[in-house]
Amino acid sequence: MQQLDVYLNDLIENSESTAALILDEAGFLVCKNGNLDQLKDPMTLAALASGSHAANTQLATPPTMTTVT
């Protein structure tokens, strides 16, 4: 976890962001770093990002072709 903190600190500095989060695909918050004072509920943001990712994945997946006999 300490290595993730180092990466997040570097990301915050290089991107001029105030905070950074690492989430898994299920929407669980893995790691957070930075100034999260303005972010009231990082867990809600994680869940919303996960839902958005899942929806975009579904939209980007081509439908399977079925044959009618």
C-alpha atoms as a PDB file:
ATOM      1  CA  MET A   1       0.000   0.000   0.000  1.00  0.00           C
ATOM      2  CA  GLN A   2       2.877   2.365   0.616  1.00  0.00           C
ATOM      3  CA  GLN A   3       3.956   1.982  -3.010  1.00  0.00           C
ATOM      4  CA  LEU A   4       0.447   2.927  -4.150  1.00  0.00           C
ATOM      5  CA  ASP A   5       0.664   6.065  -2.011  1.00  0.00           C
ATOM      6  CA  VAL A   6       3.949   6.961  -3.717  1.00  0.00           C
ATOM      7  CA  TYR A   7       2.367   6.495  -7.165  1.00  0.00           C
ATOM      8  CA  LEU A   8      -0.678   8.539  -6.208  1.00  0.00           C
ATOM      9  CA  ASN A   9       1.489  11.349  -4.818  1.00  0.00           C
ATOM     10  CA  ASP A  10       3.453  11.411  -8.079  1.00  0.00           C
ATOM     11  CA  LEU A  11       0.215  11.450 -10.077  1.00  0.00           C
ATOM     12  CA  ILE A  12      -1.162  14.328  -8.021  1.00  0.00           C
ATOM     13  CA  GLU A  13       2.027  16.358  -8.427  1.00  0.00           C
ATOM     14  CA  ASN A  14       2.454  15.692 -12.156  1.00  0.00           C
ATOM     15  CA  SER A  15      -1.187  16.271 -13.090  1.00  0.00           C
ATOM     16  CA  GLU A  16      -1.696  19.288 -10.832  1.00  0.00           C
ATOM     17  CA  SER A  17      -4.663  17.483  -9.265  1.00  0.00           C
ATOM     18  CA  THR A  18      -5.745  17.829  -5.678  1.00  0.00           C
ATOM     19  CA  ALA A  19      -6.586  14.175  -5.069  1.00  0.00           C
ATOM     20  CA  ALA A  20      -6.428  10.744  -6.663  1.00  0.00           C
ATOM     21  CA  LEU A  21      -8.345   7.517  -6.120  1.00  0.00           C
ATOM     22  CA  ILE A  22      -7.683   3.920  -7.135  1.00  0.00           C
ATOM     23  CA  LEU A  23     -10.823   1.818  -7.595  1.00  0.00           C
ATOM     24  CA  ASP A  24     -11.442  -1.743  -8.643  1.00  0.00           C
ATOM     25  CA  GLU A  25     -14.022  -2.680 -11.276  1.00  0.00           C
ATOM     26  CA  ALA A  26     -16.625  -3.467  -8.622  1.00  0.00           C
ATOM     27  CA  GLY A  27     -16.437   0.093  -7.311  1.00  0.00           C
ATOM     28  CA  PHE A  28     -14.481  -0.585  -4.149  1.00  0.00           C
ATOM     29  CA  LEU A  29     -12.079   2.137  -3.082  1.00  0.00           C
ATOM     30  CA  VAL A  30      -8.604   0.574  -2.967  1.00  0.00           C
ATOM     31  CA  CYS A  31      -6.501   3.625  -2.148  1.00  0.00           C
ATOM     32  CA  LYS A  32      -6.932   7.386  -1.903  1.00  0.00           C
ATOM     33  CA  ASN A  33      -4.511  10.240  -1.469  1.00  0.00           C
ATOM     34  CA  GLY A  34      -4.440  14.008  -1.549  1.00  0.00           C
ATOM     35  CA  ASN A  35      -6.800  16.712  -0.368  1.00  0.00           C
ATOM     36  CA  LEU A  36     -10.192  15.032  -0.146  1.00  0.00           C
ATOM     37  CA  ASP A  37     -11.833  17.805   1.918  1.00  0.00           C
ATOM     38  CA  GLN A  38     -14.117  18.899  -0.927  1.00  0.00           C
ATOM     39  CA  LEU A  39     -15.034  15.313  -1.745  1.00  0.00           C
ATOM     40  CA  LYS A  40     -17.853  14.562   0.681  1.00  0.00           C
ATOM     41  CA  ASP A  41     -18.174  10.830   0.041  1.00  0.00           C
ATOM     42  CA  PRO A  42     -15.422   9.059  -1.924  1.00  0.00           C
ATOM     43  CA  MET A  43     -17.301   5.752  -1.688  1.00  0.00           C
ATOM     44  CA  THR A  44     -20.263   7.196  -3.603  1.00  0.00           C
ATOM     45  CA  LEU A  45     -17.926   8.561  -6.270  1.00  0.00           C
ATOM     46  CA  ALA A  46     -16.292   5.118  -6.523  1.00  0.00           C
ATOM     47  CA  ALA A  47     -19.685   3.434  -7.000  1.00  0.00           C
ATOM     48  CA  LEU A  48     -20.727   5.965  -9.653  1.00  0.00           C
ATOM     49  CA  ALA A  49     -17.450   5.555 -11.547  1.00  0.00           C
ATOM     50  CA  SER A  50     -17.839   1.780 -11.446  1.00  0.00           C
ATOM     51  CA  GLY A  51     -21.389   1.981 -12.789  1.00  0.00           C
ATOM     52  CA  SER A  52     -20.272   4.303 -15.570  1.00  0.00           C
ATOM     53  CA  HIS A  53     -17.414   1.962 -16.473  1.00  0.00           C
ATOM     54  CA  ALA A  54     -19.764  -1.042 -16.577  1.00  0.00           C
ATOM     55  CA  ALA A  55     -22.270   0.793 -18.771  1.00  0.00           C
ATOM     56  CA  ASN A  56     -19.580   1.946 -21.217  1.00  0.00           C
ATOM     57  CA  THR A  57     -18.152  -1.566 -21.374  1.00  0.00           C
ATOM     58  CA  GLN A  58     -21.588  -2.929 -22.305  1.00  0.00           C
ATOM     59  CA  LEU A  59     -22.045  -0.271 -24.968  1.00  0.00           C
ATOM     60  CA  ALA A  60     -18.620  -0.947 -26.459  1.00  0.00           C
ATOM     61  CA  THR A  61     -19.122  -4.703 -26.637  1.00  0.00           C
ATOM     62  CA  PRO A  62     -20.558  -5.750 -29.999  1.00  0.00           C
ATOM     63  CA  PRO A  63     -23.647  -7.927 -29.790  1.00  0.00           C
ATOM     64  CA  THR A  64     -23.225 -11.594 -30.595  1.00  0.00           C
ATOM     65  CA  MET A  65     -24.692 -12.765 -33.865  1.00  0.00           C
ATOM     66  CA  THR A  66     -27.364 -15.400 -33.620  1.00  0.00           C
ATOM     67  CA  THR A  67     -28.727 -17.371 -36.521  1.00  0.00           C
ATOM     68  CA  VAL A  68     -32.406 -18.077 -36.878  1.00  0.00           C
ATOM     69  CA  THR A  69     -33.241 -21.458 -38.368  1.00  0.00           C
END
